[in-house]
């Protein structure tokens, strides 16, 4: 995801799940592209540029593992709240939680 409209729509209208490190927003709509889209929000309060880019690389790699679970026509936004060494467990838990809440996963 790259457009501000997509981030705004997903964070405002989507389902949300959070932990102490991440907030995950999920939106499914038939007018969205067929391929699931993932976007990242990493605020400057998390760290400097190098830290934020390292976190983004790790999260993009971790998100790839979950793309098979994400239904078509959906968008996910991952908001980072705190700097950590590993986000995988939080991302897995939040992905399952938000998909269950939205009814996309039983």
Protein backbone atom coordinates (compact mmCIF):
# COMPACT_ATOMS: atom_id res chain seq x y z
CA UNK A 1 0.00 0.00 0.00
CA UNK A 2 1.26 3.45 -0.82
CA UNK A 3 -1.68 5.86 -0.92
CA UNK A 4 -2.81 7.77 2.13
CA UNK A 5 -6.44 7.03 1.22
CA UNK A 6 -5.81 3.30 1.57
CA UNK A 7 -4.16 3.68 4.97
CA UNK A 8 -6.89 6.00 6.19
CA UNK A 9 -9.74 3.78 4.99
CA UNK A 10 -8.20 0.66 6.53
CA UNK A 11 -7.38 2.22 9.90
CA UNK A 12 -10.76 3.92 10.25
CA UNK A 13 -13.15 1.29 8.85
CA UNK A 14 -11.19 -1.91 9.42
CA UNK A 15 -11.15 -4.39 12.26
CA UNK A 16 -8.40 -3.85 14.82
CA UNK A 17 -6.30 -6.02 17.12
CA UNK A 18 -3.43 -4.77 19.27
CA UNK A 19 -0.61 -5.81 21.53
CA UNK A 20 1.94 -3.80 23.45
CA UNK A 21 4.20 -3.67 20.35
CA UNK A 22 1.84 -3.58 17.34
CA UNK A 23 -1.63 -2.61 16.18
CA UNK A 24 -3.01 -4.52 13.20
CA UNK A 25 -5.90 -3.20 11.07
CA UNK A 26 -7.75 -5.40 8.59
CA UNK A 27 -10.26 -4.41 5.91
CA UNK A 28 -11.94 -6.67 3.37
CA UNK A 29 -13.98 -5.13 0.55
CA UNK A 30 -14.83 -6.49 -2.88
CA UNK A 31 -13.67 -3.30 -4.62
CA UNK A 32 -10.12 -3.68 -3.34
CA UNK A 33 -7.50 -5.39 -5.54
CA UNK A 34 -7.62 -9.19 -5.56
CA UNK A 35 -4.10 -9.54 -4.16
CA UNK A 36 -3.94 -8.73 -0.42
CA UNK A 37 -2.07 -5.52 0.36
CA UNK A 38 0.04 -4.77 3.42
CA UNK A 39 1.09 -1.35 4.66
CA UNK A 40 3.35 -0.25 7.52
CA UNK A 41 3.14 2.74 9.83
CA UNK A 42 6.32 3.29 11.83
CA UNK A 43 6.36 6.59 13.68
CA UNK A 44 9.53 8.57 14.40
CA UNK A 45 8.97 7.99 18.13
CA UNK A 46 9.94 4.33 17.55
CA UNK A 47 13.48 5.32 16.57
CA UNK A 48 15.67 6.96 14.01
CA UNK A 49 15.65 6.30 10.29
CA UNK A 50 17.98 3.31 10.46
CA UNK A 51 15.90 1.69 13.20
CA UNK A 52 12.62 2.30 11.38
CA UNK A 53 13.97 0.84 8.12
CA UNK A 54 15.29 -2.23 9.95
CA UNK A 55 11.87 -2.74 11.55
CA UNK A 56 10.18 -2.31 8.16
CA UNK A 57 12.41 -4.96 6.57
CA UNK A 58 11.72 -7.41 9.38
CA UNK A 59 7.97 -6.79 9.30
CA UNK A 60 7.74 -7.12 5.51
CA UNK A 61 9.53 -10.45 5.72
CA UNK A 62 7.31 -11.63 8.61
CA UNK A 63 4.15 -10.47 6.80
CA UNK A 64 5.02 -12.62 3.77
CA UNK A 65 4.56 -15.70 5.95
CA UNK A 66 0.96 -14.67 6.66
CA UNK A 67 -0.15 -13.73 3.13
CA UNK A 68 -1.57 -17.21 2.50
CA UNK A 69 -4.01 -16.70 5.40
CA UNK A 70 -5.17 -13.30 4.14
CA UNK A 71 -8.29 -13.51 1.96
CA UNK A 72 -8.42 -11.81 -1.45
CA UNK A 73 -9.72 -8.23 -1.70
CA UNK A 74 -8.24 -7.19 1.65
CA UNK A 75 -5.77 -4.76 3.13
CA UNK A 76 -3.74 -4.93 6.33
CA UNK A 77 -1.99 -2.04 8.04
CA UNK A 78 0.61 -2.77 10.70
CA UNK A 79 1.32 0.09 13.13
CA UNK A 80 4.47 -0.24 15.23
CA UNK A 81 4.16 1.12 18.77
CA UNK A 82 7.55 0.16 20.23
CA UNK A 83 10.94 -0.99 19.07
CA UNK A 84 11.61 -4.71 19.62
CA UNK A 85 14.00 -7.38 18.36
CA UNK A 86 11.29 -9.69 17.02
CA UNK A 87 7.67 -9.04 16.05
CA UNK A 88 6.83 -12.48 14.60
CA UNK A 89 4.89 -13.86 17.58
CA UNK A 90 2.90 -10.64 17.96
CA UNK A 91 2.17 -10.51 14.24
CA UNK A 92 1.00 -14.14 14.18
CA UNK A 93 -1.27 -13.65 17.18
CA UNK A 94 -2.73 -10.39 15.90
CA UNK A 95 -3.30 -11.77 12.39
CA UNK A 96 -5.28 -14.71 13.79
CA UNK A 97 -7.19 -12.44 16.14
CA UNK A 98 -8.18 -9.85 13.52
CA UNK A 99 -9.16 -12.47 10.93
CA UNK A 100 -11.36 -14.22 13.47
CA UNK A 101 -13.02 -10.93 14.54
CA UNK A 102 -13.73 -9.97 10.95
CA UNK A 103 -15.23 -13.34 10.09
CA UNK A 104 -12.60 -13.97 7.42
CA UNK A 105 -11.35 -17.00 9.35
CA UNK A 106 -13.42 -19.44 11.36
